[in-house]
Protein backbone atom coordinates (compact mmCIF):
# COMPACT_ATOMS: atom_id res chain seq x y z
CA MET A 1 9.14 22.18 -8.70
CA ASP A 2 10.61 21.54 -5.50
CA ASP A 3 14.42 20.42 -5.47
CA SER A 4 12.73 16.91 -3.75
CA PHE A 5 10.61 15.99 -6.83
CA LYS A 6 13.26 17.70 -8.92
CA ASN A 7 15.45 14.63 -8.04
CA ARG A 8 12.77 11.70 -8.22
CA ALA A 9 12.05 13.11 -11.37
CA LEU A 10 15.56 12.74 -12.30
CA GLU A 11 16.48 9.05 -10.29
CA TYR A 12 13.20 7.51 -12.91
CA HIS A 13 14.34 9.06 -16.30
CA SER A 14 17.62 8.19 -15.55
CA GLU A 15 17.72 4.59 -13.61
CA GLY A 16 17.77 1.02 -15.39
CA LYS A 17 17.35 1.84 -19.29
CA PRO A 18 17.82 5.84 -19.71
CA GLY A 19 14.73 6.88 -21.51
CA LYS A 20 11.48 5.69 -21.42
CA THR A 21 10.59 3.88 -24.03
CA SER A 22 12.08 0.96 -26.45
CA ILE A 23 11.09 -1.29 -29.33
CA MET A 24 10.11 -4.66 -28.71
CA ALA A 25 10.23 -7.64 -31.51
CA SER A 26 6.04 -8.60 -32.46
CA LYS A 27 7.06 -11.17 -34.23
CA PRO A 28 9.43 -14.48 -33.41
CA ILE A 29 12.94 -14.95 -34.88
CA GLU A 30 15.05 -18.06 -32.83
CA THR A 31 15.40 -19.93 -35.41
CA PRO A 32 17.04 -19.58 -38.87
CA GLN A 33 13.19 -20.03 -40.71
CA GLU A 34 12.21 -16.62 -38.53
CA LEU A 35 14.66 -15.20 -39.73
CA ALA A 36 14.60 -16.21 -43.10
CA MET A 37 11.05 -14.82 -42.92
CA ALA A 38 11.57 -11.59 -41.04
CA TYR A 39 14.47 -10.86 -43.58
CA THR A 40 15.51 -11.77 -46.36
CA PRO A 41 14.60 -13.51 -48.69
CA GLY A 42 11.20 -13.42 -46.69
CA VAL A 43 10.45 -9.70 -46.62
CA ALA A 44 10.80 -9.52 -50.47
CA ALA A 45 7.76 -10.68 -50.55
CA PRO A 46 5.64 -7.88 -48.26
CA ALA A 47 7.60 -5.49 -50.29
CA MET A 48 7.07 -6.47 -53.44
CA GLU A 49 3.16 -6.33 -52.64
CA ILE A 50 3.42 -2.66 -50.89
CA ASN A 51 5.28 -1.73 -54.37
CA LYS A 52 2.43 -3.00 -56.21
CA GLU A 53 -0.39 -2.14 -54.13
CA ARG A 54 0.51 0.97 -51.28
CA TRP A 55 -2.11 0.30 -48.69
CA LYS A 56 -1.18 -3.17 -48.34
CA ALA A 57 1.71 -1.49 -46.14
CA TYR A 58 -1.38 -1.51 -43.32
CA ARG A 59 -1.83 -5.19 -44.06
CA TYR A 60 1.93 -6.03 -43.81
CA THR A 61 3.99 -3.08 -41.73
CA ASN A 62 3.30 -1.49 -38.65
CA LYS A 63 2.43 1.40 -39.96
CA GLY A 64 -1.43 1.47 -39.19
CA ASN A 65 -0.29 1.25 -35.56
CA LEU A 66 2.02 3.99 -35.74
CA VAL A 67 2.42 7.15 -34.24
CA ALA A 68 4.74 9.91 -34.76
CA VAL A 69 5.10 12.06 -32.22
CA ILE A 70 7.17 15.52 -33.27
CA SER A 71 7.96 18.76 -31.42
CA ASN A 72 10.82 20.91 -31.66
CA GLY A 73 10.68 22.25 -29.05
CA SER A 74 9.84 25.90 -29.92
CA SER A 75 6.63 26.14 -27.32
CA LEU A 76 7.67 23.62 -24.46
CA LEU A 77 5.36 22.84 -21.82
CA GLY A 78 5.36 26.19 -19.79
CA LEU A 79 9.16 26.81 -20.34
CA GLY A 80 8.91 28.73 -23.22
CA ASN A 81 11.62 28.04 -25.90
CA LYS A 82 13.71 25.32 -25.31
CA GLY A 83 15.04 23.66 -28.28
CA ALA A 84 14.34 20.12 -30.16
CA LEU A 85 17.13 17.92 -28.01
CA ALA A 86 15.62 19.63 -24.51
CA SER A 87 11.70 18.32 -25.52
CA LYS A 88 12.82 14.38 -26.34
CA PRO A 89 11.78 13.69 -22.74
CA VAL A 90 8.79 14.97 -23.27
CA MET A 91 8.36 13.70 -26.18
CA GLU A 92 9.27 10.46 -24.97
CA GLY A 93 6.70 10.48 -22.24
CA LYS A 94 3.92 11.16 -24.74
CA ALA A 95 5.28 7.60 -26.65
CA MET A 96 4.70 6.46 -23.53
CA LEU A 97 0.89 7.54 -22.82
CA PHE A 98 0.25 6.43 -26.35
CA LYS A 99 1.03 2.88 -25.70
CA THR A 100 0.27 2.40 -22.03
CA TYR A 101 -3.34 4.15 -22.70
CA ALA A 102 -4.27 3.05 -26.47
CA ASP A 103 -2.00 0.39 -27.26
CA ILE A 104 -0.75 2.42 -30.35
CA ASP A 105 3.53 2.59 -30.91
CA ALA A 106 4.98 5.90 -31.05
CA PHE A 107 8.21 7.06 -32.10
CA ASP A 108 9.65 10.41 -31.30
CA ILE A 109 11.22 12.45 -33.56
CA GLU A 110 12.77 16.04 -32.61
CA ILE A 111 13.67 18.14 -34.95
CA SER A 112 15.90 20.99 -34.82
CA ASP A 113 14.81 23.15 -36.85
CA GLU A 114 12.88 26.57 -36.65
CA ASP A 115 11.49 27.18 -40.43
CA PRO A 116 7.90 26.41 -40.48
CA ASP A 117 8.27 25.69 -44.56
CA ARG A 118 11.75 22.95 -43.86
CA ILE A 119 9.25 21.89 -40.73
CA VAL A 120 6.99 20.51 -42.71
CA GLU A 121 8.81 19.29 -46.20
CA THR A 122 10.84 16.97 -43.32
CA ILE A 123 7.57 15.88 -41.22
CA GLN A 124 6.66 14.81 -45.25
CA ALA A 125 8.96 13.20 -46.36
CA LEU A 126 9.20 11.27 -42.91
CA ALA A 127 5.35 10.34 -43.67
CA PRO A 128 5.31 7.04 -45.42
CA THR A 129 7.16 5.77 -42.14
CA PHE A 130 3.81 6.29 -40.14
CA GLY A 131 0.05 5.96 -39.95
CA GLY A 132 -0.50 9.31 -37.88
CA ILE A 133 1.21 12.49 -36.93
CA ASN A 134 0.85 14.00 -33.49
CA LEU A 135 2.30 17.30 -33.89
CA GLU A 136 3.44 18.45 -30.17
CA ASP A 137 5.26 21.93 -27.81
CA ILE A 138 5.23 23.65 -31.08
CA LYS A 139 4.75 27.92 -30.90
CA ALA A 140 1.58 30.28 -32.70
CA PRO A 141 1.53 30.94 -34.93
CA GLU A 142 3.61 28.52 -36.73
CA CYS A 143 1.98 25.21 -35.09
CA PHE A 144 -0.96 27.05 -37.27
CA TYR A 145 0.19 26.89 -40.25
CA ILE A 146 2.72 23.92 -40.18
CA GLU A 147 -1.06 21.31 -39.57
CA LYS A 148 -2.76 23.16 -42.16
CA ARG A 149 -0.10 22.32 -44.44
CA LEU A 150 0.02 19.13 -43.76
CA ARG A 151 -2.99 18.79 -43.35
CA GLY A 152 -3.14 19.62 -47.52
CA LEU A 153 -0.51 17.03 -47.99
CA LEU A 154 -1.09 13.96 -45.98
CA ASP A 155 -3.44 11.05 -46.42
CA ILE A 156 -2.87 9.92 -42.12
CA PRO A 157 -4.42 12.20 -39.24
CA VAL A 158 -2.80 15.04 -38.37
CA LEU A 159 -3.28 16.45 -34.98
CA HIS A 160 -0.95 19.61 -32.83
CA ASP A 161 -2.26 17.43 -29.54
CA ASP A 162 -1.57 21.37 -27.74
CA GLN A 163 -4.17 22.84 -29.51
CA HIS A 164 -6.56 19.82 -30.17
CA GLY A 165 -6.24 17.85 -27.45
CA THR A 166 -6.65 20.47 -25.29
CA ALA A 167 -10.22 21.43 -27.29
CA VAL A 168 -11.45 18.73 -26.93
CA THR A 169 -10.94 18.11 -23.18
CA VAL A 170 -11.74 21.31 -22.00
CA ALA A 171 -15.39 20.89 -24.64
CA ALA A 172 -15.97 17.76 -22.36
CA ALA A 173 -15.39 19.98 -19.34
CA LEU A 174 -17.34 22.87 -20.27
CA LEU A 175 -19.96 20.25 -20.76
CA ASN A 176 -20.13 18.61 -17.52
CA ALA A 177 -19.81 22.28 -15.72
CA CYS A 178 -22.90 23.12 -17.79
CA LYS A 179 -24.79 20.46 -17.08
CA ILE A 180 -23.93 20.07 -13.37
CA THR A 181 -24.90 24.30 -13.03
CA GLY A 182 -27.77 24.43 -15.10
CA LYS A 183 -26.11 26.89 -17.39
CA SER A 184 -27.37 26.82 -20.92
CA ILE A 185 -24.25 26.06 -23.12
CA ASP A 186 -25.70 28.95 -26.17
CA LYS A 187 -26.10 31.77 -23.78
CA ILE A 188 -22.85 31.52 -21.30
CA LYS A 189 -20.69 34.49 -21.23
CA ILE A 190 -17.18 33.12 -21.52
CA VAL A 191 -13.76 34.80 -21.17
CA ILE A 192 -10.63 33.24 -22.45
CA CYS A 193 -7.51 34.20 -21.01
CA GLY A 194 -4.93 33.98 -23.49
CA ALA A 195 -4.35 33.22 -27.53
CA GLY A 196 -2.31 30.83 -28.30
CA ALA A 197 -2.86 27.32 -29.70
CA ALA A 198 -4.47 26.14 -26.57
CA ALA A 199 -6.39 28.76 -26.03
CA ILE A 200 -7.58 29.65 -30.24
CA SER A 201 -8.53 25.75 -30.98
CA SER A 202 -10.45 25.34 -27.46
CA ALA A 203 -12.67 29.04 -28.19
CA SER A 204 -13.21 27.11 -32.09
CA MET A 205 -13.51 24.16 -30.38
CA LEU A 206 -16.18 25.43 -27.79
CA LEU A 207 -17.78 26.66 -31.10
CA GLU A 208 -18.34 23.79 -32.25
CA ILE A 209 -20.61 22.35 -29.18
CA GLY A 210 -23.02 25.11 -29.58
CA VAL A 211 -21.27 28.57 -28.10
CA SER A 212 -22.20 31.51 -29.37
CA ARG A 213 -19.19 33.53 -29.90
CA GLY A 214 -20.90 36.64 -29.11
CA GLN A 215 -20.06 35.10 -25.86
CA ILE A 216 -16.53 34.99 -25.90
CA THR A 217 -14.07 37.33 -24.90
CA MET A 218 -10.08 36.67 -25.36
CA LEU A 219 -7.91 38.65 -24.16
CA ASP A 220 -3.89 37.96 -25.12
CA SER A 221 -1.15 40.09 -23.21
CA LYS A 222 -2.42 43.29 -24.53
CA GLY A 223 -5.60 42.82 -22.89
CA VAL A 224 -8.83 42.00 -24.37
CA ILE A 225 -8.98 40.90 -28.79
CA ASN A 226 -11.25 43.50 -29.90
CA THR A 227 -12.32 45.30 -33.22
CA GLY A 228 -10.90 48.32 -32.73
CA ARG A 229 -7.05 46.33 -32.43
CA THR A 230 -4.47 46.59 -35.87
CA ASP A 231 -1.96 44.39 -34.58
CA LEU A 232 -4.64 40.79 -34.56
CA ASP A 233 -3.33 38.46 -37.13
CA GLU A 234 -5.87 35.77 -38.90
CA ASN A 235 -6.16 33.66 -35.65
CA LYS A 236 -6.73 35.86 -33.42
CA ALA A 237 -9.15 38.73 -35.21
CA ARG A 238 -11.48 35.41 -35.37
CA PHE A 239 -12.20 35.84 -31.31
CA ALA A 240 -12.53 39.71 -32.15
CA THR A 241 -15.43 41.24 -29.73
CA THR A 242 -17.54 44.54 -29.97
CA SER A 243 -17.13 44.96 -26.46
CA GLU A 244 -15.80 48.02 -24.40
CA ALA A 245 -14.30 46.10 -21.95
CA THR A 246 -10.11 46.05 -21.86
CA THR A 247 -9.22 44.83 -19.38
CA LEU A 248 -9.34 41.44 -17.33
CA SER A 249 -10.80 42.44 -14.55
CA GLN A 250 -13.61 44.33 -16.91
CA ALA A 251 -14.05 41.23 -18.59
CA ILE A 252 -14.98 38.87 -16.17
CA ASP A 253 -17.88 40.86 -14.49
CA GLY A 254 -20.86 38.96 -14.79
CA ALA A 255 -19.01 35.90 -16.89
CA ASP A 256 -20.33 32.72 -16.59
CA ALA A 257 -16.90 30.68 -17.28
CA PHE A 258 -13.54 31.17 -16.91
CA ILE A 259 -10.61 29.46 -18.90
CA GLY A 260 -7.32 30.22 -18.18
CA LEU A 261 -4.42 29.19 -21.06
CA SER A 262 -2.09 31.49 -20.24
CA LYS A 263 0.34 32.34 -16.78
CA GLY A 264 -0.44 31.61 -13.30
CA ASP A 265 -1.48 33.92 -10.96
CA LEU A 266 -3.34 35.85 -12.49
CA LEU A 267 -6.73 35.85 -11.08
CA LYS A 268 -7.67 38.10 -7.93
CA GLU A 269 -10.74 37.52 -5.51
CA SER A 270 -11.87 40.39 -6.51
CA ASP A 271 -12.19 39.12 -10.10
CA ILE A 272 -13.90 35.95 -9.93
CA SER A 273 -16.10 37.51 -7.06
CA SER A 274 -17.83 39.24 -10.30
CA MET A 275 -18.81 36.78 -12.19
CA SER A 276 -22.33 35.29 -11.77
CA PRO A 277 -23.69 32.45 -9.35
CA SER A 278 -22.30 29.54 -9.67
CA PRO A 279 -19.26 30.72 -11.91
CA ILE A 280 -16.98 27.90 -13.94
CA ILE A 281 -13.28 28.24 -13.47
CA PHE A 282 -10.72 26.40 -15.32
CA ALA A 283 -7.35 27.86 -14.76
CA LEU A 284 -5.66 25.72 -17.46
CA ALA A 285 -1.84 27.70 -16.61
CA ASN A 286 0.90 24.86 -15.79
CA PRO A 287 1.90 24.43 -13.25
CA VAL A 288 0.93 27.51 -11.46
CA PRO A 289 -2.38 27.71 -12.99
CA GLU A 290 -4.13 31.59 -12.87
CA ILE A 291 -5.48 31.05 -9.36
CA SER A 292 -5.01 27.82 -7.39
CA TYR A 293 -7.86 25.90 -6.73
CA ASN A 294 -7.63 25.92 -2.52
CA ARG A 295 -7.92 29.49 -3.35
CA ALA A 296 -10.52 29.77 -6.08
CA LYS A 297 -13.13 27.56 -3.95
CA GLN A 298 -12.18 30.31 -0.21
CA TRP A 299 -13.57 33.00 -2.09
CA ARG A 300 -15.61 31.14 -4.84
CA PRO A 301 -17.14 28.13 -2.60
CA ASP A 302 -20.11 28.02 -5.18
CA ALA A 303 -17.62 27.72 -8.09
CA ILE A 304 -17.19 24.48 -10.36
CA VAL A 305 -12.78 24.58 -10.64
CA ALA A 306 -10.04 22.71 -12.68
CA THR A 307 -6.88 23.01 -13.30
CA GLY A 308 -4.53 21.03 -14.82
CA ARG A 309 -2.70 19.92 -12.14
CA SER A 310 -2.80 16.40 -10.95
CA ASP A 311 -2.44 17.05 -7.07
CA SER A 312 -6.50 18.90 -7.04
CA PRO A 313 -10.09 17.78 -8.58
CA ASN A 314 -11.15 17.91 -11.81
CA GLN A 315 -7.80 17.61 -13.49
CA ILE A 316 -8.16 18.52 -17.17
CA ASN A 317 -5.44 17.20 -18.48
CA ASN A 318 -5.24 15.66 -22.53
CA VAL A 319 -4.27 12.17 -21.60
CA LEU A 320 -8.27 11.75 -21.39
CA SER A 321 -8.83 12.47 -25.34
CA PHE A 322 -5.37 12.21 -27.73
CA PRO A 323 -4.82 7.90 -27.26
CA TYR A 324 -8.36 7.35 -28.17
CA VAL A 325 -9.15 9.88 -31.15
CA PHE A 326 -5.56 8.16 -32.12
CA ARG A 327 -7.27 4.99 -32.14
CA GLY A 328 -10.28 5.04 -33.73
CA ALA A 329 -8.86 7.01 -36.58
CA HIS A 330 -5.94 4.45 -36.85
CA ASP A 331 -8.76 1.28 -36.71
CA THR A 332 -10.88 2.69 -39.35
CA LEU A 333 -7.48 4.13 -41.56
CA SER A 334 -8.60 8.25 -41.44
CA THR A 335 -7.10 9.88 -43.24
CA THR A 336 -7.72 12.91 -41.15
CA ILE A 337 -8.90 14.15 -37.74
CA ASN A 338 -12.18 16.27 -38.35
CA GLU A 339 -14.46 18.64 -36.22
CA ALA A 340 -16.79 15.53 -35.94
CA MET A 341 -14.52 13.13 -34.56
CA LYS A 342 -13.43 15.68 -32.22
CA ILE A 343 -16.74 16.82 -31.06
CA ALA A 344 -17.63 12.89 -30.72
CA ALA A 345 -14.56 12.32 -28.54
CA ALA A 346 -15.53 15.61 -25.72
CA LYS A 347 -18.98 14.41 -25.88
CA ALA A 348 -18.09 10.23 -24.84
CA ILE A 349 -15.14 11.99 -22.40
CA ALA A 350 -18.48 13.88 -20.76
CA ALA A 351 -20.89 11.09 -20.42
CA ILE A 352 -18.16 8.46 -19.22
CA ALA A 353 -17.52 11.20 -16.04
CA GLN A 354 -21.96 11.25 -16.16
CA GLU A 355 -21.78 7.42 -15.49
CA ASN A 356 -19.56 8.12 -12.22
CA ALA A 357 -16.02 6.70 -11.55
CA THR A 358 -15.42 2.97 -11.96
CA LYS A 359 -14.17 0.76 -8.35
CA GLU A 360 -11.24 0.29 -9.77
CA ILE A 361 -10.67 3.93 -9.93
CA GLU A 362 -11.89 4.42 -6.67
CA GLU A 363 -9.40 1.84 -5.90
CA GLN A 364 -6.63 2.67 -7.50
CA TYR A 365 -6.96 6.60 -6.92
CA GLY A 366 -8.20 5.58 -2.80
CA GLU A 367 -11.49 7.79 -3.49
CA LYS A 368 -15.10 7.74 -4.48
CA PHE A 369 -15.40 9.99 -7.40
CA THR A 370 -19.47 10.86 -8.28
CA PHE A 371 -20.54 13.02 -10.92
CA GLY A 372 -20.83 16.74 -9.71
CA LYS A 373 -18.95 19.61 -8.99
CA ASN A 374 -15.44 17.86 -8.05
CA TYR A 375 -15.34 14.84 -10.44
CA ILE A 376 -16.41 16.55 -13.93
CA LEU A 377 -14.45 14.51 -16.16
CA PRO A 378 -13.00 10.38 -15.98
CA LYS A 379 -9.03 9.43 -14.49
CA PRO A 380 -7.13 9.13 -16.30
CA GLY A 381 -6.59 5.00 -17.13
CA ASP A 382 -10.34 4.69 -16.88
CA LYS A 383 -10.78 2.00 -19.34
CA ARG A 384 -14.19 3.29 -20.91
CA LEU A 385 -11.42 5.91 -22.19
CA LEU A 386 -10.53 3.05 -24.83
CA MET A 387 -13.25 2.14 -25.39
CA GLN A 388 -15.91 4.65 -25.33
CA VAL A 389 -14.30 6.93 -26.21
CA SER A 390 -12.23 5.29 -29.31
CA ALA A 391 -15.39 3.75 -31.05
CA ALA A 392 -17.03 7.25 -31.35
CA VAL A 393 -14.29 8.74 -32.87
CA ALA A 394 -14.92 5.48 -35.10
CA SER A 395 -18.15 5.98 -35.77
CA ALA A 396 -18.02 9.73 -36.37
CA ALA A 397 -15.34 9.71 -38.95
CA MET A 398 -17.83 6.68 -41.00
CA GLU A 399 -20.35 8.66 -40.98
CA SER A 400 -18.51 12.18 -42.30
CA GLY A 401 -16.65 9.80 -44.82
CA VAL A 402 -13.08 10.08 -43.59
CA ALA A 403 -13.22 6.72 -43.09
CA ARG A 404 -10.86 3.99 -45.52
CA ARG A 405 -12.12 0.53 -43.13
CA GLY A 406 -15.75 0.03 -41.60
CA ILE A 407 -16.21 -1.07 -38.26
CA ALA A 408 -19.01 -4.25 -38.77
CA SER A 409 -19.64 -4.65 -34.89
CA PHE A 410 -19.42 -1.67 -32.44
CA ASN A 411 -19.73 -4.14 -29.82
CA GLU A 412 -17.18 -6.50 -31.02
CA TYR A 413 -14.84 -3.58 -31.43
CA SER A 414 -15.18 -2.10 -28.05
CA HIS A 415 -14.23 -5.08 -26.30
CA SER A 416 -11.88 -5.92 -28.46
CA LEU A 417 -9.76 -2.96 -27.64
CA LEU A 418 -9.67 -3.84 -24.36
CA LYS A 419 -7.56 -6.43 -25.25
CA ARG A 420 -5.00 -5.18 -26.53
CA VAL A 421 -4.10 -3.38 -23.07
């Protein structure tokens, strides 16, 4: 980050009211009568109704449209363990995205604790306030444990977005990259560089959309994760390969796709030159990708290249998925966010890109976007994401039996969402 950008970012966050979010009243409270309704004695009526039937909290309070964005800052962006307080601007930003893109209210909550059991206990105690829990920037392997325990304890959606938001967007991008290159999803050879939360979840998601487990080679900081290693936890062991390759250069030889969720500037010219024709290269380390977009295209003009950066084509960005996954889950009062809902989201995101960009998006970005090598995913802010991804997730929730409220007309539902933003 150069000094000019850093200074502009600091000014953006500090000017006017510090931070990026605030709380606004949703009911009038200008008259004595309205005050009596909003607080005492009127507030006693819904309190007693909720005491008799807890589900009425969704009718009389903001619970059904409220997400907790929770972090302890132990794996903050690409910066490492910076602590709970340093994570606050990031969590505020996440809350801002929820509201802007899907009209979901969100509170950021920073927990100053690294003990996973105490974190679980804290979130469980806070859960009655919220209709969903978004975990963020918690290091692996603790993040797996925390999410799994909370899913078992709570009857509201719990999602660690570093895992699943990334996985959904990567899956959507890969589906479209395969469609463009003519590669078969069940036959492509994939190298995943990185074995943290996002990498493990992305690999799991790829299996759900048809990738063969035997076609995935995963690497961590020690090299290829193979069955001969004795230092693997259960998450890594799921993806241990029998391949004799031990290094990235060996693993990537002949690969159809590279998915990087590790650190910057890892890929050399010889690495991507050894990949198959029309390779798929997702270099997603931030802020410095495993290989820059321009360098990858220079060395392999036939490649489809994506990064996590907004200044190159094909940004793989969690914001394409998490607001709409929660929107669909909230609107069906789902008890969880399951694999069926995530797969539905990935396929819906992919389908939107295949329809090309809207005029509104092209005017906003000052560029024409047509489905192809430089446009494999929709752009953030595309209103079709709210309409189509949310509806796909809601439908999958109903079909998979985790929805507590049905949607009678998905056509009416999709169009009603536009009124929210």
